[in-house]
Each structure stands twice: as structure tokens, then as C-alpha cells.
């Protein structure tokens, strides 16, 4: 039984690693959600471009909080990506407001 348990544990570990998400992917997911709320990309559920400014602002605020809380812990590329997304999302938000 011990060998079977070890094999199952190793399989579970490899499945977890395949599904792992990194910081950049997480931030990209949040930015895409904000773009959807801004009506820039279609809502995946409806296929329509719909605007939800409150939802967009909430995601922008979350990204801003992440930027502040991760300051000094990001790679150069991650920091640039965060700056880029926040700038683009803020400009699009202001243009829709």
C-alpha cells in the first residue's frame, strides 16, 4: 500500500504543477477581466461587449493594491507589465467615465 500511496502523491504533485499559475498569468487574467468590464473585449458568458464601470474600477483597485503590496518583490518584467496594465486600464476607464 505504501508504494501505491507514494505513486498517487507523486501523480497529484505533477498535476498541481501543470495547473500552477504564475504572477504574470494572474495579473493578465485580472487585466482581461477589467477590459471586459470596460467593454473592450466581449464578455465570455454572453459574447457581447458590455460596460460595467464599477466592476472595472474594482479590478483596477485590486491591481493597484497588488502593485503596492508586491513592491520590491517583482522581477523587472513583472513590474513593467503591472505599470503598463494599470496605465492602459486607467486611461480606458477615464475615457468611459
N, C-alpha and C. Protein backbone atom coordinates (compact mmCIF):
# COMPACT_ATOMS: atom_id res chain seq x y z
N UNK A 1 0.81 -1.20 0.00
CA UNK A 1 0.00 0.00 0.00
C UNK A 1 0.85 1.27 0.00
N UNK A 2 1.99 1.23 0.65
CA UNK A 2 2.83 2.41 0.74
C UNK A 2 3.31 2.85 -0.64
N UNK A 3 3.71 1.90 -1.48
CA UNK A 3 4.15 2.24 -2.83
C UNK A 3 3.02 2.86 -3.63
N UNK A 4 1.81 2.34 -3.47
CA UNK A 4 0.64 2.89 -4.16
C UNK A 4 0.37 4.32 -3.71
N UNK A 5 0.45 4.58 -2.42
CA UNK A 5 0.25 5.93 -1.88
C UNK A 5 1.30 6.90 -2.40
N UNK A 6 2.56 6.45 -2.44
CA UNK A 6 3.64 7.30 -2.96
C UNK A 6 3.40 7.64 -4.42
N UNK A 7 2.97 6.66 -5.21
CA UNK A 7 2.71 6.89 -6.63
C UNK A 7 1.56 7.90 -6.80
N UNK A 8 0.52 7.76 -5.98
CA UNK A 8 -0.61 8.69 -6.06
C UNK A 8 -0.19 10.10 -5.65
N UNK A 9 0.64 10.20 -4.61
CA UNK A 9 1.13 11.51 -4.17
C UNK A 9 1.97 12.17 -5.25
N UNK A 10 2.85 11.41 -5.92
CA UNK A 10 3.68 11.96 -6.99
C UNK A 10 2.81 12.41 -8.16
N UNK A 11 1.77 11.63 -8.47
CA UNK A 11 0.87 12.00 -9.56
C UNK A 11 0.13 13.28 -9.20
N UNK A 12 -0.34 13.42 -7.96
CA UNK A 12 -1.04 14.62 -7.53
C UNK A 12 -0.13 15.84 -7.60
N UNK A 13 1.14 15.67 -7.19
CA UNK A 13 2.10 16.77 -7.26
C UNK A 13 2.32 17.23 -8.69
N UNK A 14 2.44 16.30 -9.63
CA UNK A 14 2.66 16.68 -11.02
C UNK A 14 1.43 17.34 -11.61
N UNK A 15 0.24 16.91 -11.21
CA UNK A 15 -0.99 17.55 -11.70
C UNK A 15 -1.08 18.97 -11.19
N UNK A 16 -0.69 19.18 -9.94
CA UNK A 16 -0.71 20.53 -9.37
C UNK A 16 0.25 21.44 -10.12
N UNK A 17 1.45 20.95 -10.43
CA UNK A 17 2.44 21.75 -11.15
C UNK A 17 1.96 22.12 -12.55
N UNK A 18 1.24 21.22 -13.20
CA UNK A 18 0.72 21.51 -14.54
C UNK A 18 -0.32 22.62 -14.50
N UNK A 19 -1.06 22.72 -13.41
CA UNK A 19 -2.13 23.70 -13.28
C UNK A 19 -1.67 24.97 -12.57
N UNK A 20 -0.40 25.02 -12.20
CA UNK A 20 0.11 26.17 -11.45
C UNK A 20 -0.02 27.44 -12.28
N UNK A 21 -0.29 28.52 -11.59
CA UNK A 21 -0.41 29.82 -12.24
C UNK A 21 0.70 30.70 -11.70
N UNK A 22 1.31 31.49 -12.56
CA UNK A 22 2.34 32.39 -12.09
C UNK A 22 1.77 33.80 -11.95
N UNK A 23 2.57 34.70 -11.41
CA UNK A 23 2.11 36.06 -11.15
C UNK A 23 1.65 36.76 -12.42
N UNK A 24 2.42 36.63 -13.48
CA UNK A 24 2.09 37.30 -14.74
C UNK A 24 0.75 36.83 -15.29
N UNK A 25 0.51 35.53 -15.22
CA UNK A 25 -0.76 34.99 -15.71
C UNK A 25 -1.92 35.49 -14.87
N UNK A 26 -1.72 35.56 -13.56
CA UNK A 26 -2.75 36.08 -12.66
C UNK A 26 -3.09 37.53 -12.98
N UNK A 27 -2.06 38.35 -13.15
CA UNK A 27 -2.28 39.77 -13.46
C UNK A 27 -2.95 39.92 -14.82
N UNK A 28 -2.52 39.14 -15.79
CA UNK A 28 -3.14 39.18 -17.12
C UNK A 28 -4.62 38.81 -17.03
N UNK A 29 -4.94 37.84 -16.22
CA UNK A 29 -6.34 37.45 -16.04
C UNK A 29 -7.16 38.59 -15.45
N UNK A 30 -6.62 39.27 -14.45
CA UNK A 30 -7.32 40.41 -13.86
C UNK A 30 -7.48 41.54 -14.87
N UNK A 31 -6.42 41.82 -15.63
CA UNK A 31 -6.48 42.91 -16.62
C UNK A 31 -7.50 42.59 -17.71
N UNK A 32 -7.57 41.34 -18.12
CA UNK A 32 -8.55 40.94 -19.13
C UNK A 32 -9.97 41.10 -18.61
N UNK A 33 -10.17 40.76 -17.35
CA UNK A 33 -11.48 40.95 -16.73
C UNK A 33 -11.85 42.42 -16.70
N UNK A 34 -10.89 43.28 -16.36
CA UNK A 34 -11.14 44.72 -16.35
C UNK A 34 -11.48 45.21 -17.75
N UNK A 35 -10.75 44.72 -18.76
CA UNK A 35 -11.04 45.12 -20.15
C UNK A 35 -12.45 44.69 -20.55
N UNK A 36 -12.86 43.54 -20.09
CA UNK A 36 -14.22 43.07 -20.37
C UNK A 36 -15.23 44.01 -19.72
N UNK A 37 -14.98 44.40 -18.46
CA UNK A 37 -15.88 45.33 -17.76
C UNK A 37 -15.91 46.69 -18.45
N UNK A 38 -14.82 47.05 -19.10
CA UNK A 38 -14.77 48.33 -19.81
C UNK A 38 -15.40 48.24 -21.20
N UNK A 39 -15.86 47.06 -21.58
CA UNK A 39 -16.49 46.87 -22.88
C UNK A 39 -15.50 46.76 -24.02
N UNK A 40 -14.22 46.54 -23.70
CA UNK A 40 -13.19 46.46 -24.73
C UNK A 40 -13.06 45.07 -25.33
N UNK A 41 -13.44 44.06 -24.58
CA UNK A 41 -13.45 42.68 -25.08
C UNK A 41 -14.81 42.08 -24.72
N UNK A 42 -15.29 41.15 -25.52
CA UNK A 42 -16.60 40.56 -25.24
C UNK A 42 -16.62 39.79 -23.93
N UNK A 43 -17.75 39.86 -23.26
CA UNK A 43 -17.97 39.06 -22.06
C UNK A 43 -17.97 37.59 -22.48
N UNK A 44 -17.17 36.74 -21.84
CA UNK A 44 -17.11 35.34 -22.25
C UNK A 44 -18.45 34.61 -22.11
N UNK A 45 -19.26 35.04 -21.18
CA UNK A 45 -20.54 34.37 -20.95
C UNK A 45 -21.59 34.73 -22.00
N UNK A 46 -21.60 36.00 -22.42
CA UNK A 46 -22.65 36.46 -23.34
C UNK A 46 -22.14 36.69 -24.76
N UNK A 47 -20.84 36.89 -24.91
CA UNK A 47 -20.28 37.19 -26.22
C UNK A 47 -20.48 38.65 -26.62
N UNK A 48 -21.07 39.44 -25.72
CA UNK A 48 -21.35 40.84 -26.01
C UNK A 48 -20.37 41.75 -25.29
N UNK A 49 -20.12 42.91 -25.90
CA UNK A 49 -19.31 43.93 -25.24
C UNK A 49 -20.24 44.75 -24.35
N UNK A 50 -20.07 44.58 -23.06
CA UNK A 50 -20.90 45.30 -22.09
C UNK A 50 -20.01 46.09 -21.15
N UNK A 51 -20.52 47.22 -20.67
CA UNK A 51 -19.74 48.08 -19.79
C UNK A 51 -20.24 47.96 -18.35
N UNK A 52 -19.30 47.77 -17.44
CA UNK A 52 -19.57 47.74 -16.01
C UNK A 52 -18.45 48.53 -15.35
N UNK A 53 -18.62 49.85 -15.26
CA UNK A 53 -17.56 50.70 -14.74
C UNK A 53 -17.21 50.41 -13.29
N UNK A 54 -18.22 50.05 -12.48
CA UNK A 54 -17.94 49.71 -11.08
C UNK A 54 -17.05 48.47 -11.00
N UNK A 55 -17.35 47.47 -11.82
CA UNK A 55 -16.53 46.26 -11.85
C UNK A 55 -15.12 46.56 -12.34
N UNK A 56 -15.01 47.40 -13.36
CA UNK A 56 -13.69 47.77 -13.89
C UNK A 56 -12.87 48.49 -12.82
N UNK A 57 -13.50 49.43 -12.12
CA UNK A 57 -12.79 50.18 -11.08
C UNK A 57 -12.33 49.25 -9.97
N UNK A 58 -13.15 48.29 -9.61
CA UNK A 58 -12.76 47.35 -8.56
C UNK A 58 -11.51 46.55 -8.97
N UNK A 59 -11.48 46.07 -10.21
CA UNK A 59 -10.32 45.31 -10.68
C UNK A 59 -9.08 46.21 -10.75
N UNK A 60 -9.24 47.44 -11.21
CA UNK A 60 -8.12 48.39 -11.26
C UNK A 60 -7.59 48.63 -9.85
N UNK A 61 -8.50 48.79 -8.89
CA UNK A 61 -8.08 48.99 -7.50
C UNK A 61 -7.35 47.76 -6.95
N UNK A 62 -7.80 46.57 -7.33
CA UNK A 62 -7.13 45.33 -6.90
C UNK A 62 -5.72 45.28 -7.47
N UNK A 63 -5.58 45.61 -8.76
CA UNK A 63 -4.25 45.62 -9.38
C UNK A 63 -3.34 46.65 -8.70
N UNK A 64 -3.89 47.80 -8.36
CA UNK A 64 -3.11 48.84 -7.68
C UNK A 64 -2.66 48.34 -6.31
N UNK A 65 -3.54 47.68 -5.58
CA UNK A 65 -3.20 47.13 -4.28
C UNK A 65 -2.10 46.07 -4.41
N UNK A 66 -2.23 45.21 -5.43
CA UNK A 66 -1.20 44.19 -5.67
C UNK A 66 0.15 44.83 -5.96
N UNK A 67 0.12 45.90 -6.75
CA UNK A 67 1.36 46.61 -7.07
C UNK A 67 2.02 47.13 -5.80
N UNK A 68 1.22 47.73 -4.93
CA UNK A 68 1.76 48.27 -3.68
C UNK A 68 2.28 47.17 -2.77
N UNK A 69 1.53 46.09 -2.65
CA UNK A 69 1.89 45.01 -1.72
C UNK A 69 3.07 44.16 -2.22
N UNK A 70 3.32 44.18 -3.53
CA UNK A 70 4.42 43.38 -4.07
C UNK A 70 5.64 44.24 -4.41
N UNK A 71 5.60 45.51 -4.06
CA UNK A 71 6.72 46.42 -4.37
C UNK A 71 8.02 45.84 -3.81
N UNK A 72 9.03 45.78 -4.67
CA UNK A 72 10.32 45.26 -4.28
C UNK A 72 10.45 43.75 -4.42
N UNK A 73 9.37 43.08 -4.75
CA UNK A 73 9.39 41.63 -4.87
C UNK A 73 9.13 41.13 -6.29
N UNK A 74 8.95 42.04 -7.23
CA UNK A 74 8.66 41.65 -8.61
C UNK A 74 9.93 41.69 -9.45
N UNK A 75 9.94 40.87 -10.49
CA UNK A 75 11.02 40.99 -11.46
C UNK A 75 10.82 42.29 -12.23
N UNK A 76 11.84 42.70 -12.95
CA UNK A 76 11.72 43.91 -13.76
C UNK A 76 10.56 43.79 -14.75
N UNK A 77 10.45 42.63 -15.39
CA UNK A 77 9.39 42.40 -16.39
C UNK A 77 8.00 42.44 -15.74
N UNK A 78 7.87 41.84 -14.56
CA UNK A 78 6.58 41.85 -13.87
C UNK A 78 6.19 43.27 -13.48
N UNK A 79 7.16 44.05 -13.01
CA UNK A 79 6.89 45.43 -12.64
C UNK A 79 6.46 46.27 -13.84
N UNK A 80 7.14 46.07 -14.97
CA UNK A 80 6.78 46.80 -16.19
C UNK A 80 5.38 46.39 -16.67
N UNK A 81 5.09 45.11 -16.61
CA UNK A 81 3.78 44.62 -17.02
C UNK A 81 2.69 45.25 -16.15
N UNK A 82 2.92 45.28 -14.85
CA UNK A 82 1.94 45.87 -13.93
C UNK A 82 1.72 47.35 -14.24
N UNK A 83 2.82 48.09 -14.45
CA UNK A 83 2.72 49.51 -14.79
C UNK A 83 1.93 49.72 -16.08
N UNK A 84 2.26 48.91 -17.09
CA UNK A 84 1.59 49.01 -18.39
C UNK A 84 0.09 48.77 -18.26
N UNK A 85 -0.28 47.67 -17.59
CA UNK A 85 -1.71 47.35 -17.45
C UNK A 85 -2.44 48.43 -16.67
N UNK A 86 -1.85 48.89 -15.58
CA UNK A 86 -2.52 49.92 -14.79
C UNK A 86 -2.70 51.21 -15.59
N UNK A 87 -1.69 51.61 -16.32
CA UNK A 87 -1.81 52.83 -17.14
C UNK A 87 -2.91 52.67 -18.19
N UNK A 88 -2.87 51.59 -18.95
CA UNK A 88 -3.86 51.36 -20.00
C UNK A 88 -5.28 51.28 -19.44
N UNK A 89 -5.44 50.55 -18.36
CA UNK A 89 -6.78 50.39 -17.77
C UNK A 89 -7.30 51.72 -17.21
N UNK A 90 -6.44 52.47 -16.57
CA UNK A 90 -6.87 53.77 -16.02
C UNK A 90 -7.28 54.72 -17.14
N UNK A 91 -6.53 54.76 -18.23
CA UNK A 91 -6.85 55.64 -19.35
C UNK A 91 -8.18 55.24 -19.99
N UNK A 92 -8.38 53.96 -20.17
CA UNK A 92 -9.64 53.48 -20.76
C UNK A 92 -10.80 53.75 -19.82
N UNK A 93 -10.58 53.57 -18.53
CA UNK A 93 -11.63 53.85 -17.54
C UNK A 93 -12.02 55.32 -17.58
N UNK A 94 -11.04 56.20 -17.59
CA UNK A 94 -11.34 57.65 -17.64
C UNK A 94 -12.05 58.03 -18.92
N UNK A 95 -11.72 57.40 -20.02
CA UNK A 95 -12.38 57.73 -21.29
C UNK A 95 -13.83 57.28 -21.32
N UNK A 96 -14.18 56.30 -20.48
CA UNK A 96 -15.55 55.79 -20.46
C UNK A 96 -16.39 56.46 -19.39
N UNK A 97 -15.75 57.08 -18.42
CA UNK A 97 -16.44 57.66 -17.27
C UNK A 97 -17.25 58.87 -17.65
